[in-house]
Amino acid sequence: MEQQDWLEDVVIVNESPDERVVGDVSLFRNAGDACRRLEQWWVEDQEGFAFTASGARLILAVDASNNVVVERREACADGTDIIKGWLRSSANAMLEARRQRARQGKINLGEAETRGVLPGTIEGLIAYLGFAR
């Protein structure tokens, strides 16, 4: 099956004991980057969750060489709602941090940020938050 949407490549990781609770959220351009960045113990201890930006749940595992790998992708009926919640929460936290820095004169806010307007789509939230290196 040919991939039709770049959101299928993007991986969102939420470090949280509960899938519905937002913890530390990281964005990766692809599963390979996410797996390379995640640590073996994190996966083994089930410290969080991973989804594609298209809403598929990623089941992570550790291979025989102790590398983090994607064992499988699972369809998730409410996957896009889950990740949108993660992204919105992270964007709100980022906006507040940017407002703080702006009050200190360290950055300038755009007009939308000044009004508290954040992107409404998954794509827009990803663009606002940016990717982990």
C-alpha atoms as a PDB file:
ATOM      1  CA  MET A   1       0.000   0.000   0.000  1.00  0.00           C
ATOM      2  CA  GLU A   2       1.424   3.360  -1.001  1.00  0.00           C
ATOM      3  CA  GLN A   3       1.592   6.013   1.701  1.00  0.00           C
ATOM      4  CA  GLN A   4      -0.741   8.894   0.897  1.00  0.00           C
ATOM      5  CA  ASP A   5      -0.200  11.289   3.785  1.00  0.00           C
ATOM      6  CA  TRP A   6       3.013  12.618   5.357  1.00  0.00           C
ATOM      7  CA  LEU A   7       1.252  12.526   8.748  1.00  0.00           C
ATOM      8  CA  GLU A   8       1.639   8.744   8.643  1.00  0.00           C
ATOM      9  CA  ASP A   9       5.409   9.280   8.989  1.00  0.00           C
ATOM     10  CA  VAL A  10       5.357  11.836  11.822  1.00  0.00           C
ATOM     11  CA  VAL A  11       5.557  10.288  15.310  1.00  0.00           C
ATOM     12  CA  ILE A  12       4.252  11.880  18.491  1.00  0.00           C
ATOM     13  CA  VAL A  13       5.482  10.515  21.820  1.00  0.00           C
ATOM     14  CA  ASN A  14       3.797  11.295  25.119  1.00  0.00           C
ATOM     15  CA  GLU A  15       5.673  10.471  28.306  1.00  0.00           C
ATOM     16  CA  SER A  16       2.773   9.712  30.621  1.00  0.00           C
ATOM     17  CA  PRO A  17       1.386   6.740  32.567  1.00  0.00           C
ATOM     18  CA  ASP A  18      -2.031   7.272  30.931  1.00  0.00           C
ATOM     19  CA  GLU A  19      -2.651   7.700  27.216  1.00  0.00           C
ATOM     20  CA  ARG A  20      -5.273  10.394  27.850  1.00  0.00           C
ATOM     21  CA  VAL A  21      -3.070  12.426  30.213  1.00  0.00           C
ATOM     22  CA  VAL A  22      -0.624  14.826  28.609  1.00  0.00           C
ATOM     23  CA  GLY A  23       2.942  14.558  29.847  1.00  0.00           C
ATOM     24  CA  ASP A  24       6.136  15.490  28.051  1.00  0.00           C
ATOM     25  CA  VAL A  25       5.294  15.438  24.331  1.00  0.00           C
ATOM     26  CA  SER A  26       7.936  15.087  21.623  1.00  0.00           C
ATOM     27  CA  LEU A  27       7.534  15.227  17.840  1.00  0.00           C
ATOM     28  CA  PHE A  28       9.673  13.248  15.427  1.00  0.00           C
ATOM     29  CA  ARG A  29       9.787  13.338  11.645  1.00  0.00           C
ATOM     30  CA  ASN A  30       9.593   9.555  11.459  1.00  0.00           C
ATOM     31  CA  ALA A  31       9.579   6.337  13.484  1.00  0.00           C
ATOM     32  CA  GLY A  32      13.297   5.777  12.921  1.00  0.00           C
ATOM     33  CA  ASP A  33      14.142   9.106  14.558  1.00  0.00           C
ATOM     34  CA  ALA A  34      11.776   8.398  17.461  1.00  0.00           C
ATOM     35  CA  CYS A  35      13.147   4.898  18.031  1.00  0.00           C
ATOM     36  CA  ARG A  36      16.716   6.155  17.910  1.00  0.00           C
ATOM     37  CA  ARG A  37      15.917   8.807  20.545  1.00  0.00           C
ATOM     38  CA  LEU A  38      13.862   6.619  22.922  1.00  0.00           C
ATOM     39  CA  GLU A  39      15.693   4.503  25.437  1.00  0.00           C
ATOM     40  CA  GLN A  40      15.282   0.780  25.953  1.00  0.00           C
ATOM     41  CA  TRP A  41      14.217   1.118  29.602  1.00  0.00           C
ATOM     42  CA  TRP A  42      11.575   3.702  28.642  1.00  0.00           C
ATOM     43  CA  VAL A  43       9.914   1.184  26.349  1.00  0.00           C
ATOM     44  CA  GLU A  44      10.339  -1.790  28.678  1.00  0.00           C
ATOM     45  CA  ASP A  45       8.954   0.152  31.658  1.00  0.00           C
ATOM     46  CA  GLN A  46       6.042   1.447  29.523  1.00  0.00           C
ATOM     47  CA  GLU A  47       6.789   5.072  30.375  1.00  0.00           C
ATOM     48  CA  GLY A  48       4.573   6.490  27.641  1.00  0.00           C
ATOM     49  CA  PHE A  49       2.822   6.173  24.315  1.00  0.00           C
ATOM     50  CA  ALA A  50       3.532   6.765  20.655  1.00  0.00           C
ATOM     51  CA  PHE A  51       1.197   7.536  17.762  1.00  0.00           C
ATOM     52  CA  THR A  52       1.613   8.634  14.200  1.00  0.00           C
ATOM     53  CA  ALA A  53       0.250  12.090  13.462  1.00  0.00           C
ATOM     54  CA  SER A  54      -2.447  10.358  11.394  1.00  0.00           C
ATOM     55  CA  GLY A  55      -3.744   8.709  14.587  1.00  0.00           C
ATOM     56  CA  ALA A  56      -2.312   5.181  14.439  1.00  0.00           C
ATOM     57  CA  ARG A  57      -1.031   3.770  17.734  1.00  0.00           C
ATOM     58  CA  LEU A  58       2.560   2.535  17.600  1.00  0.00           C
ATOM     59  CA  ILE A  59       3.450  -0.492  19.678  1.00  0.00           C
ATOM     60  CA  LEU A  60       7.107  -0.178  20.587  1.00  0.00           C
ATOM     61  CA  ALA A  61       9.439  -2.998  21.549  1.00  0.00           C
ATOM     62  CA  VAL A  62      13.109  -3.681  22.149  1.00  0.00           C
ATOM     63  CA  ASP A  63      14.882  -6.026  19.721  1.00  0.00           C
ATOM     64  CA  ALA A  64      17.650  -8.552  20.441  1.00  0.00           C
ATOM     65  CA  SER A  65      20.277  -5.812  20.024  1.00  0.00           C
ATOM     66  CA  ASN A  66      18.505  -3.613  22.619  1.00  0.00           C
ATOM     67  CA  ASN A  67      17.308  -1.166  19.960  1.00  0.00           C
ATOM     68  CA  VAL A  68      13.875   0.402  20.238  1.00  0.00           C
ATOM     69  CA  VAL A  69      11.720  -0.647  17.277  1.00  0.00           C
ATOM     70  CA  VAL A  70       8.134  -0.327  16.124  1.00  0.00           C
ATOM     71  CA  GLU A  71       6.651  -3.763  16.592  1.00  0.00           C
ATOM     72  CA  ARG A  72       3.410  -2.816  14.856  1.00  0.00           C
ATOM     73  CA  ARG A  73       0.937  -0.047  14.049  1.00  0.00           C
ATOM     74  CA  GLU A  74      -2.630  -0.353  15.269  1.00  0.00           C
ATOM     75  CA  ALA A  75      -5.671   1.507  14.061  1.00  0.00           C
ATOM     76  CA  CYS A  76      -7.144   3.624  16.843  1.00  0.00           C
ATOM     77  CA  ALA A  77     -10.652   4.999  16.357  1.00  0.00           C
ATOM     78  CA  ASP A  78     -10.003   8.050  18.528  1.00  0.00           C
ATOM     79  CA  GLY A  79      -6.282   8.336  17.774  1.00  0.00           C
ATOM     80  CA  THR A  80      -6.532  11.744  16.107  1.00  0.00           C
ATOM     81  CA  ASP A  81      -8.519  13.094  19.064  1.00  0.00           C
ATOM     82  CA  ILE A  82      -5.906  11.759  21.487  1.00  0.00           C
ATOM     83  CA  ILE A  83      -2.950  13.293  19.654  1.00  0.00           C
ATOM     84  CA  LYS A  84      -4.787  16.556  19.025  1.00  0.00           C
ATOM     85  CA  GLY A  85      -5.285  16.814  22.788  1.00  0.00           C
ATOM     86  CA  TRP A  86      -1.579  16.154  23.371  1.00  0.00           C
ATOM     87  CA  LEU A  87      -0.598  18.742  20.766  1.00  0.00           C
ATOM     88  CA  ARG A  88      -3.051  21.398  21.992  1.00  0.00           C
ATOM     89  CA  SER A  89      -1.842  21.046  25.557  1.00  0.00           C
ATOM     90  CA  SER A  90       1.786  21.284  24.463  1.00  0.00           C
ATOM     91  CA  ALA A  91       1.020  24.295  22.256  1.00  0.00           C
ATOM     92  CA  ASN A  92      -0.702  26.069  25.166  1.00  0.00           C
ATOM     93  CA  ALA A  93       2.333  25.418  27.375  1.00  0.00           C
ATOM     94  CA  MET A  94       4.641  26.682  24.643  1.00  0.00           C
ATOM     95  CA  LEU A  95       2.518  29.807  24.163  1.00  0.00           C
ATOM     96  CA  GLU A  96       2.682  30.560  27.878  1.00  0.00           C
ATOM     97  CA  ALA A  97       6.466  30.090  27.874  1.00  0.00           C
ATOM     98  CA  ARG A  98       6.759  32.374  24.832  1.00  0.00           C
ATOM     99  CA  ARG A  99       4.578  35.005  26.518  1.00  0.00           C
ATOM    100  CA  GLN A 100       6.880  34.889  29.544  1.00  0.00           C
ATOM    101  CA  ARG A 101       9.942  35.377  27.345  1.00  0.00           C
ATOM    102  CA  ALA A 102       8.207  38.207  25.500  1.00  0.00           C
ATOM    103  CA  ARG A 103       7.478  39.979  28.803  1.00  0.00           C
ATOM    104  CA  GLN A 104      11.204  39.730  29.525  1.00  0.00           C
ATOM    105  CA  GLY A 105      11.968  41.316  26.146  1.00  0.00           C
ATOM    106  CA  LYS A 106      13.730  38.191  24.842  1.00  0.00           C
ATOM    107  CA  ILE A 107      11.398  37.395  21.923  1.00  0.00           C
ATOM    108  CA  ASN A 108       8.590  38.957  19.922  1.00  0.00           C
ATOM    109  CA  LEU A 109       5.161  37.388  19.667  1.00  0.00           C
ATOM    110  CA  GLY A 110       3.236  37.310  16.429  1.00  0.00           C
ATOM    111  CA  GLU A 111      -0.234  38.826  16.207  1.00  0.00           C
ATOM    112  CA  ALA A 112      -1.990  35.492  16.571  1.00  0.00           C
ATOM    113  CA  GLU A 113       0.127  34.551  19.602  1.00  0.00           C
ATOM    114  CA  THR A 114      -0.566  37.921  21.187  1.00  0.00           C
ATOM    115  CA  ARG A 115      -4.291  37.211  20.878  1.00  0.00           C
ATOM    116  CA  GLY A 116      -3.796  33.641  22.136  1.00  0.00           C
ATOM    117  CA  VAL A 117      -4.790  32.097  18.822  1.00  0.00           C
ATOM    118  CA  LEU A 118      -3.160  28.744  18.188  1.00  0.00           C
ATOM    119  CA  PRO A 119      -3.449  26.461  15.153  1.00  0.00           C
ATOM    120  CA  GLY A 120      -6.545  24.284  15.011  1.00  0.00           C
ATOM    121  CA  THR A 121      -5.236  21.440  12.871  1.00  0.00           C
ATOM    122  CA  ILE A 122      -2.773  18.668  13.599  1.00  0.00           C
ATOM    123  CA  GLU A 123      -0.546  20.001  10.817  1.00  0.00           C
ATOM    124  CA  GLY A 124      -0.636  23.520  12.233  1.00  0.00           C
ATOM    125  CA  LEU A 125       0.068  22.358  15.784  1.00  0.00           C
ATOM    126  CA  ILE A 126       3.036  20.322  14.545  1.00  0.00           C
ATOM    127  CA  ALA A 127       4.364  23.379  12.712  1.00  0.00           C
ATOM    128  CA  TYR A 128       3.922  25.555  15.828  1.00  0.00           C
ATOM    129  CA  LEU A 129       5.623  23.081  18.150  1.00  0.00           C
ATOM    130  CA  GLY A 130       8.397  21.925  15.821  1.00  0.00           C
ATOM    131  CA  PHE A 131      10.250  18.633  15.756  1.00  0.00           C
ATOM    132  CA  ALA A 132      12.744  17.170  18.232  1.00  0.00           C
ATOM    133  CA  ARG A 133      16.203  17.305  16.712  1.00  0.00           C
END
